[in-house]
Amino acid sequence: MIDYQILSAGQAQQAHSALCEVLTRCVAQGASVGFIDAADDAAISRFWQDVIYSIASGDKRLLVAREQGRIVGTIIVVLGMMPNGAHRAEIAKLLVHPQARRQGIARQLMLQAEQIAIQAQRTLLVLDTRSGDVAEQLYLSLGWQVAGAIPYYARSTAGEFDATTVMYKRLGQNNG
């Protein structure tokens, strides 16, 4: 059974090594999530420390999936926007540990992230994903719309430049 939990900054700090483990394993499998080298422990640790700081300040919410108490998935809802974007939230770091995939965890994390955004009175969600990734199909199946693609956007773990697809979803409306 998979349990889902929004972590406080203190809980995220306690789970720091587990969060690093999930991110490291996903990068090692080629995930396009901002990191090129799964062995760059310092950068991965700094990333999560920055997230923890942002949770404490209220700019981000971190939702995790646990299987038998072990963190196997994450998603970040970025709420801290400039005043003209206070109606908007960004989805980031949808990660599922390679050993926990194909159980609907990513879908459930996305659905719960939407609820977090709605509770925070956001009416628009945005994200970007490597063009052609399996994640893109997940987002489309959940009602996300493609805004466009940017070629040569991010370097892959293989050193190549990949395009990214920018997507959005309107909340509490007809999503069109």
N, C-alpha and C. Protein backbone atom coordinates (compact mmCIF):
# COMPACT_ATOMS: atom_id res chain seq x y z
N MET A 1 0.84 -1.18 0.00
CA MET A 1 0.00 0.00 0.00
C MET A 1 0.89 1.25 0.00
N ILE A 2 0.47 2.24 -0.75
CA ILE A 2 1.20 3.50 -0.85
C ILE A 2 0.48 4.55 -0.01
N ASP A 3 1.24 5.23 0.83
CA ASP A 3 0.71 6.32 1.64
C ASP A 3 1.29 7.63 1.12
N TYR A 4 0.50 8.69 1.19
CA TYR A 4 0.92 10.01 0.70
C TYR A 4 0.90 10.99 1.86
N GLN A 5 1.89 11.87 1.91
CA GLN A 5 2.03 12.79 3.03
C GLN A 5 2.68 14.09 2.56
N ILE A 6 2.11 15.20 3.00
CA ILE A 6 2.75 16.50 2.80
C ILE A 6 3.73 16.67 3.96
N LEU A 7 4.99 16.94 3.63
CA LEU A 7 6.01 17.07 4.67
C LEU A 7 6.19 18.52 5.09
N SER A 8 6.31 18.72 6.39
CA SER A 8 6.73 20.01 6.92
C SER A 8 8.23 20.15 6.67
N ALA A 9 8.76 21.33 6.90
CA ALA A 9 10.21 21.53 6.72
C ALA A 9 10.99 20.59 7.65
N GLY A 10 10.54 20.43 8.88
CA GLY A 10 11.21 19.55 9.82
C GLY A 10 11.17 18.09 9.38
N GLN A 11 10.01 17.66 8.90
CA GLN A 11 9.89 16.29 8.41
C GLN A 11 10.76 16.07 7.17
N ALA A 12 10.81 17.08 6.30
CA ALA A 12 11.64 16.98 5.10
C ALA A 12 13.12 16.92 5.48
N GLN A 13 13.50 17.69 6.50
CA GLN A 13 14.89 17.65 6.96
C GLN A 13 15.24 16.26 7.48
N GLN A 14 14.32 15.66 8.22
CA GLN A 14 14.56 14.31 8.74
C GLN A 14 14.64 13.29 7.60
N ALA A 15 13.94 13.56 6.50
CA ALA A 15 13.90 12.63 5.36
C ALA A 15 14.93 13.00 4.29
N HIS A 16 15.83 13.94 4.60
CA HIS A 16 16.77 14.46 3.61
C HIS A 16 17.50 13.35 2.85
N SER A 17 18.05 12.38 3.54
CA SER A 17 18.81 11.33 2.86
C SER A 17 17.91 10.49 1.97
N ALA A 18 16.69 10.23 2.39
CA ALA A 18 15.75 9.46 1.56
C ALA A 18 15.35 10.24 0.32
N LEU A 19 15.17 11.55 0.46
CA LEU A 19 14.85 12.39 -0.69
C LEU A 19 16.01 12.40 -1.68
N CYS A 20 17.22 12.50 -1.16
CA CYS A 20 18.41 12.45 -2.02
C CYS A 20 18.49 11.12 -2.76
N GLU A 21 18.17 10.05 -2.07
CA GLU A 21 18.21 8.71 -2.68
C GLU A 21 17.26 8.60 -3.86
N VAL A 22 16.02 9.07 -3.71
CA VAL A 22 15.05 8.99 -4.80
C VAL A 22 15.54 9.81 -5.99
N LEU A 23 15.98 11.03 -5.74
CA LEU A 23 16.47 11.88 -6.83
C LEU A 23 17.69 11.25 -7.51
N THR A 24 18.62 10.76 -6.74
CA THR A 24 19.83 10.14 -7.29
C THR A 24 19.47 8.95 -8.18
N ARG A 25 18.58 8.10 -7.71
CA ARG A 25 18.20 6.90 -8.49
C ARG A 25 17.48 7.29 -9.78
N CYS A 26 16.65 8.33 -9.73
CA CYS A 26 15.95 8.77 -10.93
C CYS A 26 16.92 9.36 -11.95
N VAL A 27 17.88 10.16 -11.49
CA VAL A 27 18.88 10.74 -12.39
C VAL A 27 19.73 9.62 -12.99
N ALA A 28 20.08 8.63 -12.18
CA ALA A 28 20.87 7.50 -12.68
C ALA A 28 20.14 6.74 -13.79
N GLN A 29 18.81 6.79 -13.76
CA GLN A 29 18.00 6.13 -14.79
C GLN A 29 17.74 7.05 -15.99
N GLY A 30 18.33 8.27 -15.97
CA GLY A 30 18.20 9.17 -17.12
C GLY A 30 17.10 10.20 -17.02
N ALA A 31 16.49 10.35 -15.85
CA ALA A 31 15.42 11.35 -15.70
C ALA A 31 15.95 12.75 -15.98
N SER A 32 15.16 13.53 -16.70
CA SER A 32 15.52 14.92 -16.99
C SER A 32 14.88 15.80 -15.93
N VAL A 33 15.57 15.96 -14.83
CA VAL A 33 15.03 16.71 -13.69
C VAL A 33 16.03 17.73 -13.17
N GLY A 34 16.87 18.23 -14.08
CA GLY A 34 17.78 19.30 -13.71
C GLY A 34 19.20 18.87 -13.39
N PHE A 35 19.43 17.60 -13.19
CA PHE A 35 20.75 17.11 -12.82
C PHE A 35 21.30 16.23 -13.93
N ILE A 36 22.60 16.29 -14.13
CA ILE A 36 23.25 15.52 -15.18
C ILE A 36 23.98 14.32 -14.59
N ASP A 37 24.52 14.48 -13.39
CA ASP A 37 25.38 13.45 -12.79
C ASP A 37 24.77 12.94 -11.50
N ALA A 38 24.34 11.68 -11.50
CA ALA A 38 23.74 11.09 -10.30
C ALA A 38 24.73 11.00 -9.15
N ALA A 39 26.02 11.10 -9.44
CA ALA A 39 27.04 11.01 -8.39
C ALA A 39 27.35 12.37 -7.78
N ASP A 40 26.69 13.43 -8.23
CA ASP A 40 26.94 14.77 -7.69
C ASP A 40 26.13 14.94 -6.40
N ASP A 41 26.57 14.23 -5.37
CA ASP A 41 25.86 14.23 -4.08
C ASP A 41 25.70 15.62 -3.50
N ALA A 42 26.71 16.46 -3.64
CA ALA A 42 26.65 17.81 -3.05
C ALA A 42 25.54 18.63 -3.69
N ALA A 43 25.42 18.60 -5.02
CA ALA A 43 24.39 19.37 -5.71
C ALA A 43 23.00 18.84 -5.37
N ILE A 44 22.86 17.54 -5.28
CA ILE A 44 21.56 16.94 -4.95
C ILE A 44 21.17 17.29 -3.52
N SER A 45 22.12 17.22 -2.62
CA SER A 45 21.86 17.59 -1.22
C SER A 45 21.48 19.07 -1.10
N ARG A 46 22.22 19.95 -1.81
CA ARG A 46 21.91 21.39 -1.79
C ARG A 46 20.51 21.66 -2.34
N PHE A 47 20.15 20.93 -3.39
CA PHE A 47 18.81 21.11 -3.96
C PHE A 47 17.75 20.86 -2.89
N TRP A 48 17.86 19.72 -2.18
CA TRP A 48 16.84 19.41 -1.17
C TRP A 48 16.89 20.38 0.01
N GLN A 49 18.09 20.86 0.37
CA GLN A 49 18.18 21.86 1.44
C GLN A 49 17.44 23.13 1.02
N ASP A 50 17.59 23.53 -0.25
CA ASP A 50 16.87 24.71 -0.75
C ASP A 50 15.36 24.48 -0.72
N VAL A 51 14.93 23.28 -1.07
CA VAL A 51 13.50 22.96 -1.02
C VAL A 51 13.00 23.05 0.42
N ILE A 52 13.76 22.50 1.35
CA ILE A 52 13.36 22.54 2.76
C ILE A 52 13.22 23.98 3.23
N TYR A 53 14.15 24.84 2.85
CA TYR A 53 14.05 26.27 3.20
C TYR A 53 12.77 26.86 2.61
N SER A 54 12.46 26.52 1.37
CA SER A 54 11.26 27.05 0.72
C SER A 54 9.97 26.51 1.33
N ILE A 55 10.01 25.29 1.84
CA ILE A 55 8.86 24.75 2.56
C ILE A 55 8.64 25.58 3.82
N ALA A 56 9.72 25.84 4.53
CA ALA A 56 9.62 26.61 5.78
C ALA A 56 9.08 28.01 5.53
N SER A 57 9.44 28.60 4.39
CA SER A 57 8.98 29.96 4.09
C SER A 57 7.57 29.98 3.50
N GLY A 58 7.03 28.81 3.15
CA GLY A 58 5.69 28.73 2.58
C GLY A 58 5.65 28.83 1.06
N ASP A 59 6.82 28.91 0.44
CA ASP A 59 6.86 29.04 -1.02
C ASP A 59 6.64 27.71 -1.75
N LYS A 60 6.86 26.60 -1.06
CA LYS A 60 6.70 25.29 -1.69
C LYS A 60 6.01 24.33 -0.75
N ARG A 61 5.35 23.34 -1.34
CA ARG A 61 4.80 22.20 -0.61
C ARG A 61 5.45 20.95 -1.20
N LEU A 62 5.83 20.03 -0.35
CA LEU A 62 6.43 18.78 -0.78
C LEU A 62 5.52 17.63 -0.37
N LEU A 63 5.07 16.89 -1.38
CA LEU A 63 4.25 15.71 -1.16
C LEU A 63 5.10 14.50 -1.48
N VAL A 64 5.08 13.52 -0.61
CA VAL A 64 5.84 12.29 -0.84
C VAL A 64 4.91 11.09 -0.84
N ALA A 65 5.36 10.05 -1.55
CA ALA A 65 4.69 8.75 -1.53
C ALA A 65 5.60 7.81 -0.75
N ARG A 66 4.99 7.03 0.13
CA ARG A 66 5.76 6.07 0.93
C ARG A 66 5.20 4.67 0.70
N GLU A 67 6.13 3.74 0.57
CA GLU A 67 5.77 2.33 0.48
C GLU A 67 6.46 1.63 1.65
N GLN A 68 5.66 1.09 2.55
CA GLN A 68 6.18 0.48 3.77
C GLN A 68 7.09 1.45 4.52
N GLY A 69 6.68 2.71 4.58
CA GLY A 69 7.41 3.74 5.31
C GLY A 69 8.55 4.38 4.55
N ARG A 70 8.99 3.80 3.45
CA ARG A 70 10.12 4.29 2.66
C ARG A 70 9.63 5.26 1.59
N ILE A 71 10.27 6.42 1.47
CA ILE A 71 9.89 7.38 0.43
C ILE A 71 10.26 6.81 -0.93
N VAL A 72 9.24 6.73 -1.80
CA VAL A 72 9.45 6.19 -3.15
C VAL A 72 9.01 7.18 -4.23
N GLY A 73 8.46 8.32 -3.83
CA GLY A 73 8.02 9.30 -4.81
C GLY A 73 7.93 10.67 -4.20
N THR A 74 8.09 11.69 -5.07
CA THR A 74 7.99 13.08 -4.62
C THR A 74 7.32 13.93 -5.69
N ILE A 75 6.76 15.03 -5.24
CA ILE A 75 6.30 16.09 -6.14
C ILE A 75 6.32 17.39 -5.34
N ILE A 76 6.74 18.44 -6.00
CA ILE A 76 6.80 19.76 -5.37
C ILE A 76 5.78 20.66 -6.03
N VAL A 77 5.01 21.36 -5.21
CA VAL A 77 4.10 22.39 -5.70
C VAL A 77 4.71 23.73 -5.31
N VAL A 78 5.13 24.48 -6.31
CA VAL A 78 5.76 25.78 -6.08
C VAL A 78 4.66 26.83 -6.03
N LEU A 79 4.48 27.42 -4.86
CA LEU A 79 3.43 28.42 -4.66
C LEU A 79 3.97 29.84 -4.65
N GLY A 80 5.23 30.02 -4.33
CA GLY A 80 5.82 31.35 -4.22
C GLY A 80 6.05 31.97 -5.58
N MET A 81 5.15 32.81 -6.00
CA MET A 81 5.23 33.46 -7.30
C MET A 81 5.25 34.98 -7.11
N MET A 82 5.64 35.67 -8.15
CA MET A 82 5.58 37.13 -8.15
C MET A 82 4.11 37.55 -8.04
N PRO A 83 3.85 38.79 -7.60
CA PRO A 83 2.46 39.23 -7.41
C PRO A 83 1.56 39.02 -8.63
N ASN A 84 2.08 39.19 -9.83
CA ASN A 84 1.20 39.03 -11.00
C ASN A 84 0.94 37.56 -11.33
N GLY A 85 1.58 36.65 -10.60
CA GLY A 85 1.37 35.22 -10.81
C GLY A 85 0.85 34.51 -9.58
N ALA A 86 0.25 35.27 -8.67
CA ALA A 86 -0.24 34.68 -7.42
C ALA A 86 -1.37 33.67 -7.63
N HIS A 87 -1.95 33.65 -8.81
CA HIS A 87 -3.01 32.70 -9.14
C HIS A 87 -2.45 31.38 -9.67
N ARG A 88 -1.12 31.31 -9.79
CA ARG A 88 -0.46 30.22 -10.49
C ARG A 88 0.45 29.42 -9.54
N ALA A 89 0.61 28.14 -9.85
CA ALA A 89 1.58 27.29 -9.15
C ALA A 89 2.31 26.47 -10.19
N GLU A 90 3.52 26.06 -9.85
CA GLU A 90 4.31 25.23 -10.75
C GLU A 90 4.50 23.85 -10.14
N ILE A 91 4.45 22.85 -10.98
CA ILE A 91 4.71 21.47 -10.56
C ILE A 91 6.17 21.16 -10.88
N ALA A 92 6.88 20.59 -9.91
CA ALA A 92 8.30 20.29 -10.10
C ALA A 92 8.64 18.97 -9.43
N LYS A 93 9.68 18.34 -9.92
CA LYS A 93 10.30 17.14 -9.36
C LYS A 93 9.29 16.03 -9.04
N LEU A 94 8.49 15.70 -10.08
CA LEU A 94 7.69 14.49 -9.98
C LEU A 94 8.67 13.34 -10.18
N LEU A 95 8.95 12.64 -9.10
CA LEU A 95 9.94 11.56 -9.10
C LEU A 95 9.31 10.30 -8.52
N VAL A 96 9.58 9.18 -9.17
CA VAL A 96 9.20 7.89 -8.60
C VAL A 96 10.42 6.99 -8.69
N HIS A 97 10.82 6.47 -7.55
CA HIS A 97 11.98 5.56 -7.48
C HIS A 97 11.81 4.45 -8.52
N PRO A 98 12.85 4.14 -9.27
CA PRO A 98 12.74 3.11 -10.31
C PRO A 98 12.16 1.78 -9.83
N GLN A 99 12.40 1.40 -8.59
CA GLN A 99 11.88 0.13 -8.07
C GLN A 99 10.40 0.20 -7.70
N ALA A 100 9.82 1.40 -7.73
CA ALA A 100 8.42 1.56 -7.31
C ALA A 100 7.51 1.99 -8.46
N ARG A 101 8.02 1.95 -9.67
CA ARG A 101 7.23 2.42 -10.81
C ARG A 101 6.16 1.41 -11.21
N ARG A 102 5.23 1.91 -12.04
CA ARG A 102 4.13 1.12 -12.61
C ARG A 102 3.09 0.72 -11.56
N GLN A 103 2.92 1.58 -10.54
CA GLN A 103 1.91 1.35 -9.51
C GLN A 103 0.91 2.49 -9.43
N GLY A 104 1.00 3.45 -10.34
CA GLY A 104 0.10 4.60 -10.32
C GLY A 104 0.53 5.70 -9.36
N ILE A 105 1.75 5.63 -8.87
CA ILE A 105 2.23 6.61 -7.89
C ILE A 105 2.33 8.00 -8.52
N ALA A 106 2.89 8.11 -9.71
CA ALA A 106 3.04 9.41 -10.36
C ALA A 106 1.67 10.04 -10.60
N ARG A 107 0.73 9.27 -11.07
CA ARG A 107 -0.63 9.78 -11.30
C ARG A 107 -1.25 10.30 -10.00
N GLN A 108 -1.12 9.51 -8.95
CA GLN A 108 -1.71 9.92 -7.66
C GLN A 108 -1.02 11.17 -7.11
N LEU A 109 0.31 11.25 -7.26
CA LEU A 109 1.02 12.46 -6.82
C LEU A 109 0.52 13.68 -7.58
N MET A 110 0.32 13.53 -8.88
CA MET A 110 -0.19 14.66 -9.69
C MET A 110 -1.59 15.07 -9.23
N LEU A 111 -2.46 14.11 -9.01
CA LEU A 111 -3.83 14.43 -8.59
C LEU A 111 -3.84 15.12 -7.23
N GLN A 112 -3.01 14.64 -6.31
CA GLN A 112 -2.96 15.28 -5.00
C GLN A 112 -2.30 16.65 -5.07
N ALA A 113 -1.32 16.82 -5.96
CA ALA A 113 -0.70 18.14 -6.14
C ALA A 113 -1.74 19.15 -6.62
N GLU A 114 -2.63 18.72 -7.50
CA GLU A 114 -3.71 19.61 -7.95
C GLU A 114 -4.56 20.06 -6.76
N GLN A 115 -4.85 19.13 -5.87
CA GLN A 115 -5.67 19.47 -4.70
C GLN A 115 -4.93 20.46 -3.79
N ILE A 116 -3.63 20.28 -3.65
CA ILE A 116 -2.83 21.23 -2.86
C ILE A 116 -2.93 22.62 -3.48
N ALA A 117 -2.82 22.69 -4.80
CA ALA A 117 -2.90 23.98 -5.50
C ALA A 117 -4.29 24.60 -5.34
N ILE A 118 -5.33 23.79 -5.45
CA ILE A 118 -6.69 24.30 -5.28
C ILE A 118 -6.88 24.84 -3.86
N GLN A 119 -6.40 24.11 -2.85
CA GLN A 119 -6.51 24.57 -1.47
C GLN A 119 -5.76 25.88 -1.25
N ALA A 120 -4.70 26.09 -2.03
CA ALA A 120 -3.92 27.33 -1.95
C ALA A 120 -4.51 28.42 -2.86
N GLN A 121 -5.70 28.16 -3.38
CA GLN A 121 -6.45 29.11 -4.22
C GLN A 121 -5.72 29.45 -5.52
N ARG A 122 -5.06 28.45 -6.10
CA ARG A 122 -4.42 28.62 -7.40
C ARG A 122 -5.38 28.13 -8.47
N THR A 123 -5.40 28.81 -9.60
CA THR A 123 -6.31 28.44 -10.69
C THR A 123 -5.58 28.00 -11.95
N LEU A 124 -4.25 28.05 -11.93
CA LEU A 124 -3.46 27.64 -13.08
C LEU A 124 -2.22 26.91 -12.61
N LEU A 125 -1.96 25.76 -13.21
CA LEU A 125 -0.74 25.01 -12.95
C LEU A 125 0.11 25.01 -14.21
N VAL A 126 1.42 25.07 -14.02
CA VAL A 126 2.36 24.99 -15.16
C VAL A 126 3.46 23.98 -14.82
N LEU A 127 4.05 23.44 -15.87
CA LEU A 127 5.20 22.55 -15.71
C LEU A 127 5.93 22.47 -17.04
N ASP A 128 7.13 21.92 -16.99
CA ASP A 128 7.80 21.57 -18.23
C ASP A 128 8.36 20.16 -18.07
N THR A 129 8.45 19.46 -19.20
CA THR A 129 8.92 18.08 -19.20
C THR A 129 9.68 17.80 -20.49
N ARG A 130 10.61 16.90 -20.43
CA ARG A 130 11.36 16.57 -21.64
C ARG A 130 10.38 16.08 -22.71
N SER A 131 10.46 16.70 -23.87
CA SER A 131 9.57 16.34 -24.98
C SER A 131 9.71 14.86 -25.32
N GLY A 132 8.57 14.20 -25.42
CA GLY A 132 8.56 12.79 -25.78
C GLY A 132 8.69 11.83 -24.62
N ASP A 133 8.96 12.32 -23.42
CA ASP A 133 9.06 11.45 -22.25
C ASP A 133 7.71 10.82 -21.92
N VAL A 134 7.76 9.69 -21.24
CA VAL A 134 6.53 9.03 -20.80
C VAL A 134 5.71 9.96 -19.90
N ALA A 135 6.39 10.84 -19.17
CA ALA A 135 5.68 11.79 -18.29
C ALA A 135 4.75 12.69 -19.09
N GLU A 136 5.16 13.06 -20.29
CA GLU A 136 4.32 13.92 -21.13
C GLU A 136 2.97 13.26 -21.39
N GLN A 137 2.97 11.97 -21.65
CA GLN A 137 1.73 11.24 -21.88
C GLN A 137 0.87 11.19 -20.62
N LEU A 138 1.51 11.05 -19.46
CA LEU A 138 0.78 11.08 -18.19
C LEU A 138 0.06 12.41 -18.03
N TYR A 139 0.78 13.50 -18.25
CA TYR A 139 0.19 14.83 -18.08
C TYR A 139 -0.99 15.03 -19.04
N LEU A 140 -0.82 14.62 -20.28
CA LEU A 140 -1.91 14.76 -21.25
C LEU A 140 -3.13 13.96 -20.80
N SER A 141 -2.92 12.77 -20.26
CA SER A 141 -4.03 11.93 -19.80
C SER A 141 -4.75 12.55 -18.60
N LEU A 142 -4.08 13.47 -17.91
CA LEU A 142 -4.68 14.15 -16.75
C LEU A 142 -5.28 15.51 -17.12
N GLY A 143 -5.37 15.79 -18.41
CA GLY A 143 -6.03 17.01 -18.85
C GLY A 143 -5.13 18.21 -19.04
N TRP A 144 -3.83 18.02 -19.01
CA TRP A 144 -2.90 19.11 -19.24
C TRP A 144 -2.87 19.46 -20.72
N GLN A 145 -2.59 20.72 -21.01
CA GLN A 145 -2.53 21.22 -22.38
C GLN A 145 -1.08 21.59 -22.71
N VAL A 146 -0.71 21.42 -23.96
CA VAL A 146 0.63 21.81 -24.42
C VAL A 146 0.60 23.28 -24.82
N ALA A 147 1.49 24.06 -24.22
CA ALA A 147 1.63 25.47 -24.60
C ALA A 147 2.64 25.61 -25.73
N GLY A 148 3.62 24.74 -25.77
CA GLY A 148 4.64 24.78 -26.81
C GLY A 148 5.87 23.99 -26.39
N ALA A 149 6.87 24.00 -27.25
CA ALA A 149 8.11 23.29 -26.97
C ALA A 149 9.28 24.22 -27.23
N ILE A 150 10.34 24.02 -26.47
CA ILE A 150 11.56 24.78 -26.63
C ILE A 150 12.67 23.80 -26.98
N PRO A 151 13.25 23.91 -28.18
CA PRO A 151 14.32 22.99 -28.54
C PRO A 151 15.61 23.28 -27.78
N TYR A 152 16.45 22.27 -27.63
CA TYR A 152 17.78 22.41 -27.02
C TYR A 152 17.70 23.00 -25.60
N TYR A 153 16.67 22.66 -24.88
CA TYR A 153 16.40 23.30 -23.59
C TYR A 153 17.29 22.80 -22.47
N ALA A 154 17.50 21.49 -22.42
CA ALA A 154 18.24 20.92 -21.28
C ALA A 154 19.20 19.84 -21.77
N ARG A 155 20.34 19.78 -21.11
CA ARG A 155 21.31 18.72 -21.42
C ARG A 155 20.87 17.45 -20.69
N SER A 156 20.91 16.35 -21.41
CA SER A 156 20.51 15.07 -20.82
C SER A 156 21.68 14.45 -20.06
N THR A 157 21.40 13.38 -19.34
CA THR A 157 22.45 12.67 -18.63
C THR A 157 23.44 12.05 -19.62
N ALA A 158 23.03 11.91 -20.89
CA ALA A 158 23.92 11.39 -21.94
C ALA A 158 24.70 12.50 -22.63
N GLY A 159 24.47 13.76 -22.21
CA GLY A 159 25.20 14.88 -22.78
C GLY A 159 24.57 15.52 -24.01
N GLU A 160 23.41 15.03 -24.42
CA GLU A 160 22.72 15.59 -25.58
C GLU A 160 21.76 16.68 -25.12
N PHE A 161 21.38 17.56 -26.05
CA PHE A 161 20.41 18.61 -25.73
C PHE A 161 19.02 18.16 -26.14
N ASP A 162 18.10 18.19 -25.18
CA ASP A 162 16.72 17.76 -25.41
C ASP A 162 15.79 18.97 -25.41
N ALA A 163 14.70 18.81 -26.13
CA ALA A 163 13.63 19.82 -26.11
C ALA A 163 12.80 19.62 -24.84
N THR A 164 12.14 20.68 -24.43
CA THR A 164 11.19 20.57 -23.33
C THR A 164 9.83 21.01 -23.82
N THR A 165 8.80 20.37 -23.30
CA THR A 165 7.43 20.74 -23.60
C THR A 165 6.88 21.49 -22.39
N VAL A 166 6.36 22.68 -22.63
CA VAL A 166 5.77 23.50 -21.59
C VAL A 166 4.27 23.22 -21.59
N MET A 167 3.73 22.93 -20.41
CA MET A 167 2.33 22.52 -20.31
C MET A 167 1.62 23.33 -19.22
N TYR A 168 0.31 23.35 -19.32
CA TYR A 168 -0.49 24.05 -18.31
C TYR A 168 -1.81 23.33 -18.10
N LYS A 169 -2.41 23.61 -16.95
CA LYS A 169 -3.74 23.10 -16.65
C LYS A 169 -4.50 24.13 -15.83
N ARG A 170 -5.66 24.49 -16.30
CA ARG A 170 -6.52 25.39 -15.54
C ARG A 170 -7.30 24.57 -14.53
N LEU A 171 -7.40 25.10 -13.32
CA LEU A 171 -8.09 24.39 -12.23
C LEU A 171 -9.43 25.05 -11.95
N GLY A 172 -10.41 24.24 -11.62
CA GLY A 172 -11.72 24.77 -11.25
C GLY A 172 -12.49 25.36 -12.40
N GLN A 173 -12.09 25.03 -13.63
CA GLN A 173 -12.77 25.50 -14.83
C GLN A 173 -12.86 24.37 -15.82
N ASN A 174 -13.16 24.66 -17.03
CA ASN A 174 -13.31 23.61 -18.04
C ASN A 174 -11.99 23.16 -18.64
N ASN A 175 -10.88 23.62 -18.09
CA ASN A 175 -9.54 23.20 -18.49
C ASN A 175 -9.26 23.40 -19.98
N GLY A 176 -9.95 24.28 -20.65
CA GLY A 176 -9.72 24.48 -22.07
C GLY A 176 -8.97 25.68 -22.34
